[in-house]
Amino acid sequence: MNRRQEVAFALAFGVATHILFAFSVTVMVIGLYNGLQTGLGRLHGWPAYAADALLIAQFPVLHSYFLTKSGRSVLTKIMPGGLGADLATTSFSLIGALQLLAAFGLWSPSGIVIYKAEGHAFWVFVTMYLASWLFLIKALTDAGLGLQTGYIGWSSVVRGTRPDYGGFPTHGLFRVCRHPVYLGFALVMWTAPLLTADGLVLATVWTLYCAVGPKLKEARYRGWYGERYAQYCASVPYMLPRIGRFKKSAV
């Protein structure tokens, strides 16, 4: 590809990724709020259980894989014109959006309701659900929206520069816990006003991933940043923030 074609391709790929990212998050918000009863899957019985199990498993498995050395190598090879390395973060965001869209859009609902908040409890859960999403958005912002949404990748191609990922974040919510994005992701799965058997299974499995998955991330960071990251880990809690640190951060 010549320079003009590279810019056009990167721009189109970036716009498509952002649109799909926003759409998949919207489907996730609606799906969790309604206890996964909005999925378009129409399977029943064991076929439904098997299909839903695959939808649950595909997200943590592929998400973790594409963060490995082998997975990152795949991301660099799927784009044409030698743009794979620069567009890797955009490709990762696009794949993540497709995974979320598959999980919540293709889900086959069981219809088994465990708990449905009503009256004052309904508004308490709605408030917690909204607060959880605000926490997740804040965490994603602190982590770098450009990185999380794939903007860094395609915009660097358009500008004709190499992607600048910066170092690991230590500001905002990252001052009180090392993995606020994973914490926020877990919170949004447990605070909806409707809990179904479907939602319980998905929330349990994905919360376990949120608790274990960051260990793989930390292993990579220790390799990249060495002692500096080790010192950060020694001073900041893994997942659950310390209240005292919130007070210090607010000063």
Protein backbone atom coordinates (compact mmCIF):
# COMPACT_ATOMS: atom_id res chain seq x y z
CA MET A 1 0.00 0.00 0.00
CA ASN A 2 1.13 3.55 -0.68
CA ARG A 3 0.93 6.23 2.01
CA ARG A 4 -2.54 7.44 1.02
CA GLN A 5 -3.91 3.90 1.05
CA GLU A 6 -2.38 3.23 4.48
CA VAL A 7 -4.04 6.33 5.92
CA ALA A 8 -7.41 5.50 4.36
CA PHE A 9 -7.26 1.91 5.57
CA ALA A 10 -6.21 2.85 9.11
CA LEU A 11 -8.88 5.54 9.35
CA ALA A 12 -11.65 3.22 8.12
CA PHE A 13 -10.45 0.42 10.39
CA GLY A 14 -10.33 2.77 13.37
CA VAL A 15 -13.82 4.17 12.80
CA ALA A 16 -15.26 0.68 12.34
CA THR A 17 -13.54 -0.48 15.54
CA HIS A 18 -14.87 2.43 17.61
CA ILE A 19 -18.42 1.97 16.31
CA LEU A 20 -18.34 -1.75 17.03
CA PHE A 21 -16.76 -1.12 20.44
CA ALA A 22 -19.53 1.31 21.42
CA PHE A 23 -22.23 -1.03 20.10
CA SER A 24 -20.85 -4.07 21.94
CA VAL A 25 -20.64 -2.17 25.23
CA THR A 26 -24.24 -1.02 24.76
CA VAL A 27 -25.36 -4.62 24.17
CA MET A 28 -23.42 -5.66 27.29
CA VAL A 29 -25.02 -2.93 29.43
CA ILE A 30 -28.51 -3.94 28.30
CA GLY A 31 -27.76 -7.66 28.56
CA LEU A 32 -26.43 -7.52 32.11
CA TYR A 33 -29.23 -5.21 33.25
CA ASN A 34 -31.81 -7.69 31.99
CA GLY A 35 -30.11 -10.79 33.37
CA LEU A 36 -28.92 -11.97 29.94
CA GLN A 37 -32.51 -12.41 28.80
CA THR A 38 -32.05 -10.21 25.72
CA GLY A 39 -29.77 -12.62 23.84
CA LEU A 40 -30.85 -13.66 20.36
CA GLY A 41 -29.92 -17.32 20.84
CA ARG A 42 -32.89 -19.67 20.51
CA LEU A 43 -31.38 -22.94 21.68
CA HIS A 44 -32.95 -24.90 24.54
CA GLY A 45 -31.83 -27.57 26.97
CA TRP A 46 -28.35 -29.04 26.71
CA PRO A 47 -27.57 -27.45 23.32
CA ALA A 48 -28.23 -24.05 24.92
CA TYR A 49 -26.07 -24.86 27.94
CA ALA A 50 -23.22 -26.00 25.70
CA ALA A 51 -23.45 -22.96 23.42
CA ASP A 52 -23.63 -20.54 26.36
CA ALA A 53 -20.67 -22.26 28.01
CA LEU A 54 -18.63 -21.65 24.86
CA LEU A 55 -19.70 -18.01 24.83
CA ILE A 56 -18.56 -17.68 28.43
CA ALA A 57 -15.22 -19.40 27.81
CA GLN A 58 -14.27 -17.66 24.58
CA PHE A 59 -13.80 -14.25 26.15
CA PRO A 60 -11.22 -15.01 28.87
CA VAL A 61 -9.45 -17.63 26.73
CA LEU A 62 -9.00 -15.48 23.61
CA HIS A 63 -8.50 -12.27 25.58
CA SER A 64 -5.62 -13.88 27.47
CA TYR A 65 -4.20 -15.51 24.36
CA PHE A 66 -3.93 -12.29 22.36
CA LEU A 67 -1.97 -10.75 25.22
CA THR A 68 0.68 -13.47 25.03
CA LYS A 69 3.75 -13.25 22.83
CA SER A 70 2.21 -15.78 20.42
CA GLY A 71 -1.11 -13.95 20.36
CA ARG A 72 0.52 -10.58 19.75
CA SER A 73 2.40 -12.18 16.86
CA VAL A 74 -0.92 -13.23 15.34
CA LEU A 75 -2.26 -9.69 15.68
CA THR A 76 0.72 -8.32 13.78
CA LYS A 77 0.14 -10.73 10.88
CA ILE A 78 -3.59 -10.28 10.23
CA MET A 79 -3.35 -6.76 8.86
CA PRO A 80 -2.24 -6.08 5.24
CA GLY A 81 0.61 -3.88 4.04
CA GLY A 82 2.87 -4.44 7.02
CA LEU A 83 0.57 -2.42 9.29
CA GLY A 84 -0.07 -5.25 11.73
CA ALA A 85 2.36 -4.13 14.43
CA ASP A 86 1.12 -0.54 14.48
CA LEU A 87 -2.54 -1.61 14.36
CA ALA A 88 -2.17 -4.35 16.98
CA THR A 89 -4.02 -2.44 19.71
CA THR A 90 -6.83 -1.59 17.30
CA SER A 91 -7.10 -5.21 16.20
CA PHE A 92 -7.17 -6.31 19.84
CA SER A 93 -9.98 -3.85 20.61
CA LEU A 94 -11.95 -4.98 17.58
CA ILE A 95 -11.63 -8.64 18.55
CA GLY A 96 -12.61 -7.84 22.14
CA ALA A 97 -15.69 -5.98 20.92
CA LEU A 98 -16.68 -8.94 18.74
CA GLN A 99 -16.25 -11.26 21.71
CA LEU A 100 -18.52 -9.18 23.93
CA LEU A 101 -21.05 -8.86 21.14
CA ALA A 102 -21.05 -12.63 20.66
CA ALA A 103 -21.39 -13.35 24.38
CA PHE A 104 -24.30 -11.02 25.04
CA GLY A 105 -25.88 -10.95 21.59
CA LEU A 106 -25.93 -14.69 20.86
CA TRP A 107 -26.79 -15.86 24.38
CA SER A 108 -29.65 -18.38 24.68
CA PRO A 109 -31.63 -17.28 27.79
CA SER A 110 -32.68 -19.94 30.29
CA GLY A 111 -35.51 -17.88 31.73
CA ILE A 112 -34.58 -18.99 35.27
CA VAL A 113 -34.88 -15.94 37.56
CA ILE A 114 -33.09 -16.13 40.90
CA TYR A 115 -33.75 -12.63 42.16
CA LYS A 116 -35.61 -9.57 40.87
CA ALA A 117 -35.26 -6.37 42.86
CA GLU A 118 -38.46 -4.45 43.44
CA GLY A 119 -39.53 -1.33 45.29
CA HIS A 120 -36.71 0.50 47.09
CA ALA A 121 -34.34 -2.40 46.45
CA PHE A 122 -34.75 -1.86 42.71
CA TRP A 123 -33.44 1.69 42.94
CA VAL A 124 -30.61 0.63 45.21
CA PHE A 125 -29.46 -1.92 42.61
CA VAL A 126 -29.91 0.53 39.74
CA THR A 127 -27.76 3.05 41.60
CA MET A 128 -25.09 0.42 42.26
CA TYR A 129 -25.22 -0.69 38.62
CA LEU A 130 -24.73 2.85 37.34
CA ALA A 131 -21.99 3.49 39.91
CA SER A 132 -20.21 0.31 38.82
CA TRP A 133 -20.21 1.43 35.20
CA LEU A 134 -18.96 4.88 36.17
CA PHE A 135 -16.16 3.21 38.13
CA LEU A 136 -15.29 1.05 35.10
CA ILE A 137 -15.31 4.06 32.78
CA LYS A 138 -13.05 5.96 35.19
CA ALA A 139 -10.71 2.95 35.37
CA LEU A 140 -10.56 2.67 31.57
CA THR A 141 -9.87 6.40 31.33
CA ASP A 142 -7.05 6.17 33.87
CA ALA A 143 -5.64 3.16 32.01
CA GLY A 144 -5.69 5.20 28.80
CA LEU A 145 -8.75 5.24 26.57
CA GLY A 146 -6.52 5.52 23.53
CA LEU A 147 -5.01 2.15 24.38
CA GLN A 148 -8.24 0.50 25.55
CA THR A 149 -10.26 1.49 22.48
CA GLY A 150 -7.52 0.97 19.91
CA TYR A 151 -7.16 4.67 19.08
CA ILE A 152 -3.39 4.63 19.63
CA GLY A 153 -2.93 2.08 16.86
CA TRP A 154 -4.84 3.52 13.93
CA SER A 155 -4.11 7.17 14.79
CA SER A 156 -0.36 6.50 14.76
CA VAL A 157 -0.64 5.14 11.21
CA VAL A 158 -2.61 8.21 10.13
CA ARG A 159 0.05 10.50 11.66
CA GLY A 160 2.89 8.45 10.24
CA THR A 161 4.44 7.75 13.66
CA ARG A 162 4.99 4.64 15.77
CA PRO A 163 2.47 3.93 18.55
CA ASP A 164 3.47 5.38 21.91
CA TYR A 165 2.07 3.16 24.68
CA GLY A 166 3.74 4.99 27.53
CA GLY A 167 4.51 3.22 30.80
CA PHE A 168 2.18 1.44 33.18
CA PRO A 169 -0.41 3.74 34.80
CA THR A 170 0.05 4.78 38.43
CA HIS A 171 -2.37 7.70 38.66
CA GLY A 172 -6.10 7.95 39.43
CA LEU A 173 -7.62 4.65 40.49
CA PHE A 174 -4.27 2.97 39.87
CA ARG A 175 -3.03 4.73 43.01
CA VAL A 176 -5.40 2.69 45.18
CA CYS A 177 -5.37 -0.70 43.40
CA ARG A 178 -3.31 -2.23 40.62
CA HIS A 179 -6.20 -3.53 38.52
CA PRO A 180 -9.23 -1.21 38.73
CA VAL A 181 -10.37 -2.16 35.19
CA TYR A 182 -10.76 -5.81 36.20
CA LEU A 183 -12.44 -4.75 39.45
CA GLY A 184 -14.91 -2.52 37.60
CA PHE A 185 -15.60 -5.27 35.06
CA ALA A 186 -16.46 -7.64 37.92
CA LEU A 187 -18.66 -5.08 39.68
CA VAL A 188 -20.92 -4.45 36.69
CA MET A 189 -21.73 -8.16 36.53
CA TRP A 190 -23.00 -8.34 40.12
CA THR A 191 -24.99 -5.13 40.58
CA ALA A 192 -27.86 -5.39 38.06
CA PRO A 193 -31.39 -5.46 39.58
CA LEU A 194 -32.17 -8.81 37.93
CA LEU A 195 -30.19 -11.97 38.66
CA THR A 196 -30.83 -15.05 36.56
CA ALA A 197 -29.15 -18.45 36.52
CA ASP A 198 -27.45 -17.33 33.30
CA GLY A 199 -26.10 -14.16 34.87
CA LEU A 200 -24.94 -16.02 37.97
CA VAL A 201 -22.87 -18.50 35.96
CA LEU A 202 -21.35 -15.86 33.67
CA ALA A 203 -20.60 -13.49 36.56
CA THR A 204 -18.96 -16.27 38.58
CA VAL A 205 -16.68 -17.45 35.76
CA TRP A 206 -15.74 -13.99 34.52
CA THR A 207 -15.14 -12.72 38.07
CA LEU A 208 -12.73 -15.62 38.62
CA TYR A 209 -10.98 -14.53 35.43
CA CYS A 210 -10.85 -10.94 36.71
CA ALA A 211 -9.18 -12.23 39.87
CA VAL A 212 -6.66 -14.51 38.13
CA GLY A 213 -6.12 -12.88 34.72
CA PRO A 214 -4.13 -9.90 36.04
CA LYS A 215 -1.47 -12.31 37.30
CA LEU A 216 -0.51 -12.93 33.67
CA LYS A 217 -0.46 -9.19 33.01
CA GLU A 218 1.78 -8.59 36.01
CA ALA A 219 4.24 -11.25 34.84
CA ARG A 220 4.61 -9.35 31.54
CA TYR A 221 4.98 -6.02 33.31
CA ARG A 222 7.68 -7.37 35.59
CA GLY A 223 9.56 -8.49 32.52
CA TRP A 224 9.16 -5.12 30.81
CA TYR A 225 9.59 -2.71 33.73
CA GLY A 226 11.58 -4.76 36.23
CA GLU A 227 12.21 -3.30 39.65
CA ARG A 228 10.09 -0.21 39.03
CA TYR A 229 6.97 -2.32 38.63
CA ALA A 230 7.95 -4.55 41.55
CA GLN A 231 8.10 -1.47 43.78
CA TYR A 232 4.69 -0.35 42.53
CA CYS A 233 3.24 -3.79 43.37
CA ALA A 234 4.77 -3.65 46.84
CA SER A 235 3.05 -0.36 47.62
CA VAL A 236 -0.36 -0.73 45.93
CA PRO A 237 -2.95 -3.47 46.66
CA TYR A 238 -3.66 -6.07 43.99
CA MET A 239 -7.43 -5.69 43.55
CA LEU A 240 -9.32 -4.38 46.57
CA PRO A 241 -8.46 -0.73 47.31
CA ARG A 242 -7.47 0.39 50.78
CA ILE A 243 -9.78 3.09 52.13
CA GLY A 244 -6.84 5.05 53.46
CA ARG A 245 -5.43 5.32 49.95
CA PHE A 246 -8.67 6.87 48.70
CA LYS A 247 -8.25 9.62 51.29
CA LYS A 248 -4.63 10.25 50.26
CA SER A 249 -5.62 10.30 46.56
CA ALA A 250 -8.29 12.90 47.25
CA VAL A 251 -5.84 15.27 48.94
